[in-house]
């Protein structure tokens, strides 16, 4: 079973984290959620996630993909040298790095969106040196980006496809859309 890790800290956007988690799990992936603060994390609207894995114990070698939800948490994630190092490790290994809403700004500010197709929350789009698309989800190589909370399902399916393949993504879509 392929494994995905997700990083949370206080201020995460609940729908982006929980919705993505649910779609990936439905698709048969193992998803481990890590707390940057090595403790519970409370989302933007008050949902507290408990029993999270300790960020200090995250081993990138154990995972096929990294997911970064958006929300005000992006500032703390971007300010963390350990998170920056983790993103670099995933990028350099050619593993999937997925970020939604405010999350892609971490990738843009670090230079990983140069020459890439991407999306992010419209008001946060800066000149990241790539090509911005006004789409819910954009995949370019090993980078998957999502536009906003409203894009969570499309983003999650793009991540699922990038990690587990189109057949798995289509099968999972069929299970939730057509049954």
C-alpha atoms as a PDB file:
ATOM      1  CA  UNK A   1       0.000   0.000   0.000  1.00  0.00           C
ATOM      2  CA  UNK A   2       1.380   3.394  -0.982  1.00  0.00           C
ATOM      3  CA  UNK A   3       1.723   5.895   1.808  1.00  0.00           C
ATOM      4  CA  UNK A   4       1.093   9.631   1.926  1.00  0.00           C
ATOM      5  CA  UNK A   5       2.010  12.087   4.654  1.00  0.00           C
ATOM      6  CA  UNK A   6       0.196  15.323   5.416  1.00  0.00           C
ATOM      7  CA  UNK A   7       1.447  18.170   7.606  1.00  0.00           C
ATOM      8  CA  UNK A   8      -0.857  20.192   9.849  1.00  0.00           C
ATOM      9  CA  UNK A   9      -0.413  22.969  12.327  1.00  0.00           C
ATOM     10  CA  UNK A  10      -2.854  25.390  13.909  1.00  0.00           C
ATOM     11  CA  UNK A  11      -4.915  27.262  11.331  1.00  0.00           C
ATOM     12  CA  UNK A  12      -5.185  24.502   8.722  1.00  0.00           C
ATOM     13  CA  UNK A  13      -8.186  24.618   6.384  1.00  0.00           C
ATOM     14  CA  UNK A  14     -10.363  21.754   7.619  1.00  0.00           C
ATOM     15  CA  UNK A  15     -12.100  20.826   4.366  1.00  0.00           C
ATOM     16  CA  UNK A  16      -8.796  20.694   2.498  1.00  0.00           C
ATOM     17  CA  UNK A  17      -7.195  18.399   5.063  1.00  0.00           C
ATOM     18  CA  UNK A  18     -10.124  16.159   5.974  1.00  0.00           C
ATOM     19  CA  UNK A  19     -11.611  15.988   2.471  1.00  0.00           C
ATOM     20  CA  UNK A  20      -8.277  15.100   0.896  1.00  0.00           C
ATOM     21  CA  UNK A  21      -7.606  12.536   3.613  1.00  0.00           C
ATOM     22  CA  UNK A  22     -11.002  10.886   3.015  1.00  0.00           C
ATOM     23  CA  UNK A  23     -10.591  10.644  -0.770  1.00  0.00           C
ATOM     24  CA  UNK A  24      -7.070   9.232  -0.495  1.00  0.00           C
ATOM     25  CA  UNK A  25      -8.190   6.638   2.063  1.00  0.00           C
ATOM     26  CA  UNK A  26     -11.185   5.683  -0.121  1.00  0.00           C
ATOM     27  CA  UNK A  27      -8.656   5.144  -2.895  1.00  0.00           C
ATOM     28  CA  UNK A  28      -6.766   2.650  -0.762  1.00  0.00           C
ATOM     29  CA  UNK A  29      -3.823   4.822   0.249  1.00  0.00           C
ATOM     30  CA  UNK A  30      -2.419   4.946   3.736  1.00  0.00           C
ATOM     31  CA  UNK A  31      -2.354   8.547   5.007  1.00  0.00           C
ATOM     32  CA  UNK A  32      -0.383   9.620   8.059  1.00  0.00           C
ATOM     33  CA  UNK A  33      -1.014  13.093   9.440  1.00  0.00           C
ATOM     34  CA  UNK A  34       1.836  14.868  11.195  1.00  0.00           C
ATOM     35  CA  UNK A  35       1.686  17.870  13.490  1.00  0.00           C
ATOM     36  CA  UNK A  36       4.379  20.462  12.932  1.00  0.00           C
ATOM     37  CA  UNK A  37       4.075  21.342  16.621  1.00  0.00           C
ATOM     38  CA  UNK A  38       4.250  17.673  17.742  1.00  0.00           C
ATOM     39  CA  UNK A  39       0.837  18.120  19.408  1.00  0.00           C
ATOM     40  CA  UNK A  40      -2.841  18.470  18.498  1.00  0.00           C
ATOM     41  CA  UNK A  41      -3.634  20.907  15.694  1.00  0.00           C
ATOM     42  CA  UNK A  42      -6.718  23.119  15.585  1.00  0.00           C
ATOM     43  CA  UNK A  43      -8.081  24.195  12.239  1.00  0.00           C
ATOM     44  CA  UNK A  44      -9.192  27.581  11.062  1.00  0.00           C
ATOM     45  CA  UNK A  45     -12.786  26.961  12.155  1.00  0.00           C
ATOM     46  CA  UNK A  46     -12.081  25.199  15.438  1.00  0.00           C
ATOM     47  CA  UNK A  47     -11.855  21.496  14.503  1.00  0.00           C
ATOM     48  CA  UNK A  48      -9.078  19.930  16.564  1.00  0.00           C
ATOM     49  CA  UNK A  49      -7.228  16.904  15.234  1.00  0.00           C
ATOM     50  CA  UNK A  50      -5.747  14.715  17.942  1.00  0.00           C
ATOM     51  CA  UNK A  51      -3.362  11.764  18.078  1.00  0.00           C
ATOM     52  CA  UNK A  52      -1.332  13.182  15.210  1.00  0.00           C
ATOM     53  CA  UNK A  53       2.087  11.815  14.393  1.00  0.00           C
ATOM     54  CA  UNK A  54       5.073  13.807  15.599  1.00  0.00           C
ATOM     55  CA  UNK A  55       6.633  15.859  12.821  1.00  0.00           C
ATOM     56  CA  UNK A  56      10.005  15.349  14.447  1.00  0.00           C
ATOM     57  CA  UNK A  57       9.642  11.625  13.664  1.00  0.00           C
ATOM     58  CA  UNK A  58       8.590  11.968  10.010  1.00  0.00           C
ATOM     59  CA  UNK A  59      10.820   9.964   7.674  1.00  0.00           C
ATOM     60  CA  UNK A  60      10.364  11.072   4.055  1.00  0.00           C
ATOM     61  CA  UNK A  61      11.700   7.739   2.787  1.00  0.00           C
ATOM     62  CA  UNK A  62       8.517   6.064   4.084  1.00  0.00           C
ATOM     63  CA  UNK A  63       6.209   8.072   1.798  1.00  0.00           C
ATOM     64  CA  UNK A  64       5.314   8.384  -1.883  1.00  0.00           C
ATOM     65  CA  UNK A  65       3.720  11.815  -1.467  1.00  0.00           C
ATOM     66  CA  UNK A  66       3.491  14.894   0.723  1.00  0.00           C
ATOM     67  CA  UNK A  67       0.219  16.851   1.081  1.00  0.00           C
ATOM     68  CA  UNK A  68       0.116  20.443   2.285  1.00  0.00           C
ATOM     69  CA  UNK A  69      -3.375  21.819   3.027  1.00  0.00           C
ATOM     70  CA  UNK A  70      -3.888  25.564   2.970  1.00  0.00           C
ATOM     71  CA  UNK A  71      -5.362  28.012   5.405  1.00  0.00           C
ATOM     72  CA  UNK A  72      -3.529  30.471   7.641  1.00  0.00           C
ATOM     73  CA  UNK A  73      -1.242  27.589   8.631  1.00  0.00           C
ATOM     74  CA  UNK A  74       0.783  28.151   5.461  1.00  0.00           C
ATOM     75  CA  UNK A  75       2.718  30.945   7.200  1.00  0.00           C
ATOM     76  CA  UNK A  76       3.981  28.640   9.959  1.00  0.00           C
ATOM     77  CA  UNK A  77       4.789  25.878   7.476  1.00  0.00           C
ATOM     78  CA  UNK A  78       6.692  28.280   5.232  1.00  0.00           C
ATOM     79  CA  UNK A  79       8.638  29.701   8.192  1.00  0.00           C
ATOM     80  CA  UNK A  80       9.783  26.232   9.262  1.00  0.00           C
ATOM     81  CA  UNK A  81      13.242  25.237   7.984  1.00  0.00           C
ATOM     82  CA  UNK A  82      12.298  21.609   8.698  1.00  0.00           C
ATOM     83  CA  UNK A  83       9.233  21.824   6.434  1.00  0.00           C
ATOM     84  CA  UNK A  84      11.294  23.519   3.726  1.00  0.00           C
ATOM     85  CA  UNK A  85      13.870  20.725   3.970  1.00  0.00           C
ATOM     86  CA  UNK A  86      11.122  18.096   3.777  1.00  0.00           C
ATOM     87  CA  UNK A  87       9.620  19.654   0.645  1.00  0.00           C
ATOM     88  CA  UNK A  88      13.086  19.781  -0.940  1.00  0.00           C
ATOM     89  CA  UNK A  89      13.639  16.099  -0.109  1.00  0.00           C
ATOM     90  CA  UNK A  90      10.372  15.098  -1.795  1.00  0.00           C
ATOM     91  CA  UNK A  91      10.993  17.310  -4.844  1.00  0.00           C
ATOM     92  CA  UNK A  92      14.551  16.071  -5.336  1.00  0.00           C
ATOM     93  CA  UNK A  93      13.426  12.445  -5.008  1.00  0.00           C
ATOM     94  CA  UNK A  94      10.765  12.997  -7.688  1.00  0.00           C
ATOM     95  CA  UNK A  95       8.008  12.156  -5.220  1.00  0.00           C
ATOM     96  CA  UNK A  96       4.578  13.772  -5.388  1.00  0.00           C
ATOM     97  CA  UNK A  97       4.260  17.104  -3.612  1.00  0.00           C
ATOM     98  CA  UNK A  98       0.665  18.324  -3.412  1.00  0.00           C
ATOM     99  CA  UNK A  99      -0.468  21.680  -2.047  1.00  0.00           C
ATOM    100  CA  UNK A 100      -3.834  23.419  -2.110  1.00  0.00           C
ATOM    101  CA  UNK A 101      -5.131  26.975  -1.697  1.00  0.00           C
ATOM    102  CA  UNK A 102      -2.432  28.898   0.211  1.00  0.00           C
ATOM    103  CA  UNK A 103      -0.178  25.826   0.259  1.00  0.00           C
ATOM    104  CA  UNK A 104       1.254  26.305  -3.252  1.00  0.00           C
ATOM    105  CA  UNK A 105       2.795  29.598  -2.154  1.00  0.00           C
ATOM    106  CA  UNK A 106       5.341  27.555  -0.180  1.00  0.00           C
ATOM    107  CA  UNK A 107       6.335  25.864  -3.420  1.00  0.00           C
ATOM    108  CA  UNK A 108       6.298  29.134  -5.354  1.00  0.00           C
ATOM    109  CA  UNK A 109       8.411  31.072  -2.878  1.00  0.00           C
ATOM    110  CA  UNK A 110      10.939  28.209  -2.810  1.00  0.00           C
ATOM    111  CA  UNK A 111      11.212  28.275  -6.617  1.00  0.00           C
ATOM    112  CA  UNK A 112       9.571  24.895  -7.300  1.00  0.00           C
ATOM    113  CA  UNK A 113       6.848  26.369  -9.538  1.00  0.00           C
ATOM    114  CA  UNK A 114       9.292  27.969 -12.005  1.00  0.00           C
ATOM    115  CA  UNK A 115       8.422  26.724 -15.467  1.00  0.00           C
ATOM    116  CA  UNK A 116       5.525  24.677 -14.058  1.00  0.00           C
ATOM    117  CA  UNK A 117       1.786  24.762 -14.598  1.00  0.00           C
ATOM    118  CA  UNK A 118       0.053  25.427 -11.286  1.00  0.00           C
ATOM    119  CA  UNK A 119      -2.913  26.896  -9.463  1.00  0.00           C
ATOM    120  CA  UNK A 120      -3.456  28.378  -6.012  1.00  0.00           C
ATOM    121  CA  UNK A 121      -5.889  30.671  -4.213  1.00  0.00           C
ATOM    122  CA  UNK A 122      -6.336  33.477  -6.737  1.00  0.00           C
ATOM    123  CA  UNK A 123      -5.417  36.371  -4.448  1.00  0.00           C
ATOM    124  CA  UNK A 124      -2.213  34.582  -3.413  1.00  0.00           C
ATOM    125  CA  UNK A 125      -0.954  34.112  -6.943  1.00  0.00           C
ATOM    126  CA  UNK A 126       2.341  35.902  -7.329  1.00  0.00           C
ATOM    127  CA  UNK A 127       4.833  35.691 -10.146  1.00  0.00           C
ATOM    128  CA  UNK A 128       6.196  32.279  -9.260  1.00  0.00           C
ATOM    129  CA  UNK A 129       7.844  31.935 -12.676  1.00  0.00           C
ATOM    130  CA  UNK A 130       5.373  29.349 -13.899  1.00  0.00           C
ATOM    131  CA  UNK A 131       2.043  29.363 -15.700  1.00  0.00           C
ATOM    132  CA  UNK A 132      -0.974  30.015 -13.488  1.00  0.00           C
ATOM    133  CA  UNK A 133      -4.210  28.236 -14.426  1.00  0.00           C
ATOM    134  CA  UNK A 134      -7.623  29.218 -13.115  1.00  0.00           C
ATOM    135  CA  UNK A 135      -8.519  25.533 -12.619  1.00  0.00           C
ATOM    136  CA  UNK A 136      -9.495  23.604  -9.508  1.00  0.00           C
ATOM    137  CA  UNK A 137      -6.512  21.239  -9.763  1.00  0.00           C
ATOM    138  CA  UNK A 138      -3.368  21.222 -11.873  1.00  0.00           C
ATOM    139  CA  UNK A 139      -0.746  18.494 -12.146  1.00  0.00           C
ATOM    140  CA  UNK A 140       2.678  19.135 -13.657  1.00  0.00           C
ATOM    141  CA  UNK A 141       5.107  16.266 -13.241  1.00  0.00           C
ATOM    142  CA  UNK A 142       5.318  15.414  -9.553  1.00  0.00           C
ATOM    143  CA  UNK A 143       3.648  18.650  -8.387  1.00  0.00           C
ATOM    144  CA  UNK A 144      -0.113  18.773  -7.798  1.00  0.00           C
ATOM    145  CA  UNK A 145      -1.733  22.076  -6.874  1.00  0.00           C
ATOM    146  CA  UNK A 146      -5.277  22.969  -5.907  1.00  0.00           C
ATOM    147  CA  UNK A 147      -7.063  26.311  -6.106  1.00  0.00           C
ATOM    148  CA  UNK A 148      -9.189  26.609  -2.976  1.00  0.00           C
ATOM    149  CA  UNK A 149     -11.377  24.886  -0.401  1.00  0.00           C
ATOM    150  CA  UNK A 150     -14.032  24.534  -3.107  1.00  0.00           C
ATOM    151  CA  UNK A 151     -11.511  22.539  -5.159  1.00  0.00           C
ATOM    152  CA  UNK A 152     -10.822  19.925  -2.495  1.00  0.00           C
ATOM    153  CA  UNK A 153     -12.452  16.966  -4.237  1.00  0.00           C
ATOM    154  CA  UNK A 154     -10.808  17.676  -7.605  1.00  0.00           C
ATOM    155  CA  UNK A 155      -7.478  18.239  -5.864  1.00  0.00           C
ATOM    156  CA  UNK A 156      -7.755  15.019  -3.860  1.00  0.00           C
ATOM    157  CA  UNK A 157      -8.528  13.003  -6.988  1.00  0.00           C
ATOM    158  CA  UNK A 158      -5.541  14.591  -8.749  1.00  0.00           C
ATOM    159  CA  UNK A 159      -3.332  13.534  -5.831  1.00  0.00           C
ATOM    160  CA  UNK A 160      -4.834  10.043  -5.846  1.00  0.00           C
ATOM    161  CA  UNK A 161      -4.170   9.732  -9.574  1.00  0.00           C
ATOM    162  CA  UNK A 162      -0.596  11.006  -9.212  1.00  0.00           C
ATOM    163  CA  UNK A 163       0.151   8.472  -6.479  1.00  0.00           C
ATOM    164  CA  UNK A 164      -1.974   5.430  -7.362  1.00  0.00           C
ATOM    165  CA  UNK A 165      -2.759   5.899 -11.054  1.00  0.00           C
ATOM    166  CA  UNK A 166      -5.729   6.840 -13.190  1.00  0.00           C
ATOM    167  CA  UNK A 167      -7.454   3.467 -12.842  1.00  0.00           C
ATOM    168  CA  UNK A 168      -7.564   3.772  -9.051  1.00  0.00           C
ATOM    169  CA  UNK A 169      -8.757   7.391  -9.244  1.00  0.00           C
ATOM    170  CA  UNK A 170     -11.505   6.485 -11.723  1.00  0.00           C
ATOM    171  CA  UNK A 171     -12.634   3.495  -9.648  1.00  0.00           C
ATOM    172  CA  UNK A 172     -12.830   5.672  -6.527  1.00  0.00           C
ATOM    173  CA  UNK A 173     -14.733   8.399  -8.388  1.00  0.00           C
ATOM    174  CA  UNK A 174     -17.228   5.816  -9.577  1.00  0.00           C
ATOM    175  CA  UNK A 175     -17.741   4.603  -6.005  1.00  0.00           C
ATOM    176  CA  UNK A 176     -18.635   8.038  -4.669  1.00  0.00           C
ATOM    177  CA  UNK A 177     -20.346   9.595  -7.665  1.00  0.00           C
ATOM    178  CA  UNK A 178     -22.359   6.753  -9.138  1.00  0.00           C
ATOM    179  CA  UNK A 179     -23.370   4.320  -6.405  1.00  0.00           C
END
